[in-house]
């Protein structure tokens, strides 16, 4: 829905998850980031916060 409304989209997925279909790199103009989602520590890392803040700036 965000893509149809021309809104910036950030996809967060589990690290090493097999990507296919719409979520394959290059299929849609979506920013995709992979993290170890089993731990909440990824939310406080600069690896997440830097792209997240950039994405927020696009809204």
N, C-alpha and C. Protein backbone atom coordinates (compact mmCIF):
# COMPACT_ATOMS: atom_id res chain seq x y z
N UNK A 1 0.82 -1.17 0.00
CA UNK A 1 0.00 0.00 0.00
C UNK A 1 0.88 1.25 0.00
N UNK A 2 1.96 1.24 0.77
CA UNK A 2 2.86 2.39 0.82
C UNK A 2 3.44 2.66 -0.56
N UNK A 3 3.81 1.60 -1.28
CA UNK A 3 4.37 1.77 -2.62
C UNK A 3 3.34 2.41 -3.55
N UNK A 4 2.09 2.00 -3.45
CA UNK A 4 1.04 2.56 -4.30
C UNK A 4 0.79 4.03 -3.98
N UNK A 5 1.02 4.42 -2.73
CA UNK A 5 0.84 5.82 -2.32
C UNK A 5 2.11 6.64 -2.49
N UNK A 6 3.13 6.01 -3.09
CA UNK A 6 4.41 6.66 -3.35
C UNK A 6 5.09 7.12 -2.05
N UNK A 7 4.95 6.31 -0.99
CA UNK A 7 5.59 6.60 0.29
C UNK A 7 6.90 5.83 0.40
N UNK A 8 7.92 6.41 1.02
CA UNK A 8 9.16 5.67 1.22
C UNK A 8 8.90 4.43 2.06
N UNK A 9 9.47 3.32 1.67
CA UNK A 9 9.23 2.06 2.35
C UNK A 9 10.54 1.47 2.83
N UNK A 10 10.57 1.07 4.09
CA UNK A 10 11.75 0.42 4.66
C UNK A 10 11.33 -0.96 5.11
N UNK A 11 11.99 -1.96 4.60
CA UNK A 11 11.69 -3.35 4.94
C UNK A 11 12.75 -3.85 5.91
N UNK A 12 12.30 -4.39 7.03
CA UNK A 12 13.20 -4.96 8.04
C UNK A 12 12.94 -6.46 8.06
N UNK A 13 14.01 -7.23 7.89
CA UNK A 13 13.83 -8.68 7.87
C UNK A 13 14.90 -9.36 8.70
N UNK A 14 14.65 -10.63 8.99
CA UNK A 14 15.61 -11.45 9.72
C UNK A 14 16.84 -11.67 8.85
N UNK A 15 18.01 -11.59 9.47
CA UNK A 15 19.26 -11.82 8.75
C UNK A 15 19.27 -13.23 8.18
N UNK A 16 19.77 -13.38 6.99
CA UNK A 16 19.90 -14.66 6.28
C UNK A 16 18.55 -15.26 5.85
N UNK A 17 17.51 -14.48 5.85
CA UNK A 17 16.21 -14.94 5.36
C UNK A 17 16.27 -15.03 3.84
N UNK A 18 15.75 -16.09 3.27
CA UNK A 18 15.72 -16.24 1.81
C UNK A 18 14.70 -15.26 1.23
N UNK A 19 15.13 -14.42 0.32
CA UNK A 19 14.25 -13.40 -0.28
C UNK A 19 13.85 -13.82 -1.68
N UNK A 20 12.56 -13.75 -1.94
CA UNK A 20 12.07 -14.04 -3.28
C UNK A 20 10.79 -13.26 -3.52
N UNK A 21 10.36 -13.24 -4.74
CA UNK A 21 9.13 -12.53 -5.08
C UNK A 21 9.32 -11.03 -4.99
N UNK A 22 8.37 -10.34 -4.41
CA UNK A 22 8.42 -8.88 -4.32
C UNK A 22 9.58 -8.36 -3.48
N UNK A 23 10.11 -9.19 -2.59
CA UNK A 23 11.16 -8.74 -1.69
C UNK A 23 12.56 -9.02 -2.20
N UNK A 24 12.69 -9.52 -3.43
CA UNK A 24 14.00 -9.68 -4.02
C UNK A 24 14.57 -8.30 -4.29
N UNK A 25 15.87 -8.15 -4.10
CA UNK A 25 16.52 -6.88 -4.33
C UNK A 25 16.31 -6.43 -5.77
N UNK A 26 15.85 -5.20 -5.93
CA UNK A 26 15.66 -4.63 -7.25
C UNK A 26 14.26 -4.79 -7.81
N UNK A 27 13.40 -5.56 -7.16
CA UNK A 27 12.04 -5.75 -7.66
C UNK A 27 11.22 -4.47 -7.48
N UNK A 28 11.28 -3.90 -6.29
CA UNK A 28 10.59 -2.66 -5.98
C UNK A 28 11.58 -1.68 -5.37
N UNK A 29 11.30 -0.38 -5.46
CA UNK A 29 12.21 0.60 -4.84
C UNK A 29 12.02 0.64 -3.33
N UNK A 30 12.44 -0.42 -2.67
CA UNK A 30 12.29 -0.56 -1.23
C UNK A 30 13.68 -0.64 -0.60
N UNK A 31 13.86 0.06 0.50
CA UNK A 31 15.09 -0.06 1.27
C UNK A 31 14.94 -1.24 2.20
N UNK A 32 15.85 -2.20 2.09
CA UNK A 32 15.76 -3.42 2.89
C UNK A 32 16.98 -3.54 3.78
N UNK A 33 16.73 -3.84 5.05
CA UNK A 33 17.80 -4.02 6.01
C UNK A 33 17.58 -5.33 6.75
N UNK A 34 18.68 -6.05 7.01
CA UNK A 34 18.60 -7.35 7.68
C UNK A 34 19.28 -7.27 9.04
N UNK A 35 18.60 -7.80 10.05
CA UNK A 35 19.11 -7.79 11.42
C UNK A 35 18.81 -9.13 12.08
N UNK A 36 19.50 -9.40 13.20
CA UNK A 36 19.19 -10.55 14.02
C UNK A 36 18.01 -10.14 14.91
N UNK A 37 16.80 -10.50 14.52
CA UNK A 37 15.59 -10.05 15.20
C UNK A 37 15.28 -10.85 16.46
N UNK A 38 16.10 -11.85 16.76
CA UNK A 38 15.88 -12.64 17.98
C UNK A 38 16.27 -11.85 19.23
N UNK A 39 17.00 -10.79 19.05
CA UNK A 39 17.43 -9.94 20.14
C UNK A 39 16.94 -8.52 19.89
N UNK A 40 16.60 -7.78 20.92
CA UNK A 40 16.14 -6.39 20.74
C UNK A 40 17.31 -5.42 20.59
N UNK A 41 18.53 -5.90 20.75
CA UNK A 41 19.71 -5.03 20.66
C UNK A 41 19.85 -4.35 19.30
N UNK A 42 19.36 -4.96 18.24
CA UNK A 42 19.50 -4.39 16.91
C UNK A 42 18.82 -3.03 16.81
N UNK A 43 17.78 -2.80 17.61
CA UNK A 43 17.05 -1.53 17.54
C UNK A 43 17.84 -0.35 18.08
N UNK A 44 18.86 -0.62 18.89
CA UNK A 44 19.67 0.44 19.47
C UNK A 44 21.01 0.62 18.78
N UNK A 45 21.26 -0.16 17.74
CA UNK A 45 22.55 -0.09 17.05
C UNK A 45 22.54 1.03 15.99
N UNK A 46 23.72 1.58 15.73
CA UNK A 46 23.82 2.60 14.68
C UNK A 46 23.56 1.98 13.31
N UNK A 47 23.81 0.66 13.20
CA UNK A 47 23.53 -0.05 11.95
C UNK A 47 22.04 0.05 11.59
N UNK A 48 21.17 0.12 12.60
CA UNK A 48 19.74 0.30 12.38
C UNK A 48 19.34 1.78 12.44
N UNK A 49 19.80 2.50 13.45
CA UNK A 49 19.34 3.86 13.68
C UNK A 49 19.70 4.83 12.56
N UNK A 50 20.87 4.69 11.96
CA UNK A 50 21.27 5.59 10.88
C UNK A 50 20.32 5.49 9.68
N UNK A 51 20.09 4.29 9.12
CA UNK A 51 19.15 4.21 8.00
C UNK A 51 17.71 4.51 8.42
N UNK A 52 17.34 4.18 9.65
CA UNK A 52 15.98 4.47 10.12
C UNK A 52 15.74 5.98 10.17
N UNK A 53 16.69 6.73 10.71
CA UNK A 53 16.54 8.18 10.77
C UNK A 53 16.52 8.80 9.38
N UNK A 54 17.31 8.23 8.47
CA UNK A 54 17.28 8.70 7.08
C UNK A 54 15.91 8.44 6.46
N UNK A 55 15.35 7.26 6.71
CA UNK A 55 14.02 6.91 6.19
C UNK A 55 12.96 7.84 6.77
N UNK A 56 13.04 8.12 8.09
CA UNK A 56 12.08 9.03 8.73
C UNK A 56 12.14 10.41 8.07
N UNK A 57 13.33 10.85 7.69
CA UNK A 57 13.50 12.14 7.03
C UNK A 57 12.82 12.20 5.67
N UNK A 58 12.55 11.05 5.05
CA UNK A 58 11.91 11.02 3.73
C UNK A 58 10.39 11.15 3.83
N UNK A 59 9.83 10.96 5.03
CA UNK A 59 8.37 10.98 5.18
C UNK A 59 7.82 12.38 5.14
